[in-house]
Amino acid sequence: MRNLSAFLCLFIAFWSFSQEDETFHPTDISFDLNRLKTSDFGTDSLDGDKVLFQLFPAPMQEEDPELSEWKTSAFWSCSSCARYDFVSYEDDEITEKETLPYAANYTWCTNILYYQSEKGNLRAIVSFSTSQMNDGTGRFTRGLLSLANFEKQNGTWKLMNFEPFVNFQGSFTQASPVDEVMIGENGKIYFLIHGGEANGVSAEEYWPLYQGLYILDGDSLKEIFHQQAASCSENGDAVGSNWITAVKKIKGTSEGVQFILETKGLLVKEFDWYRPGMLQFISKEDFDQLPPRFEFEAVQHVTKPEKGLKVEKPLVSVTYKDEKGTIRKQIIETQNTPVK
């Protein structure tokens, strides 16, 4: 009897493993942009899940052992895809490196943003996030952002462009989606993302919440510029730091496209885990001489020529009360590159 029980246990374990091995296989897909541009995506408002499975034709099976009710996902691999290395930097040091696509990828639709083109046509930018997990866990676990740009032509949604590999950012396995559309003075469209930091959601009440700012080209859907710590908001009553960066203007110059960024807010040095992107250009000596808390305004020009990126040193002014309670305003000299 004991031998029979051992045999049954071994058989059940082997059967379970075989079932798991049999079902846990992603669908091998490819991204044929020319074919997708001739596809019909409907006449009404876009359905995120339907668009997902048209672009990533790999629905998960019900018996998939990694199936989660967290998101409706495509489960795919791509043997014909090029490999892309995505890295994260802190003080010019690589802190994280991921090579995508993974051997097995979970992708879900995260946002659909409708907007008007330069000529007034109805368009939609659809965001997708890809991870090697489908459970939404991991505050520092990022996701791959994919973007699909659509236009309604003769009453039917048509795909204009699709970029499966935009950038790698976010938290809880999800890349932050496009949440703003801007038309520059040059008449071109740009997409903005406010999010993306691994600290986008805090695990502790006394930690502030940080977000980055990403600017993407409206035609190629590629990332142009990324500023870390572009916004900070309180999480609880202990932290007073609060600031936000906005894109005030986009214009064309003889050097290329110029983005004028403005950051305003309050910084409390006691909780100086991250400085606003523009305040990172202040020398340590000048920063140490500032009072424990101060308000600030900063303006910075970022120019995108045909190749490379030109980030100019920002103009920073701070306002604070001195020991006598008198309000002081001071212009801070900044460096040409961020101070380590």
Foldseek 3Di string as FASTA:
>chain_A
DVVVVVVVVVVVVVVVVVLQVVQQAWAADDADPVVQQPDFQDQDPGDFVSVQCVRQVAFHDPSHPQDDPPFRWGKYAYPPDDKDWAFDDDPNDTPDIDIDDDRIKIKGWDDWDWDAALVGFIKIKTKMWIDPHDDLDFLQAKTFIKIWIWTQDPSTIGTQDIGRGAHIFAGSRGAFDFDDWDQAPVRFIKTKTWAGHSQCDPPDQQAKHFTKIWIAGPRHRHTDDIFGRQFTDHRHDNADWTKHKDFPHWYADPQAIKTKIKMWTKHAQVNPPDDGRLCLQADPVVVVPDDRMWIKMKIWMKGDGPDDIQTARIWMKIWDADPVRDIDIDTGDGHRDGDD
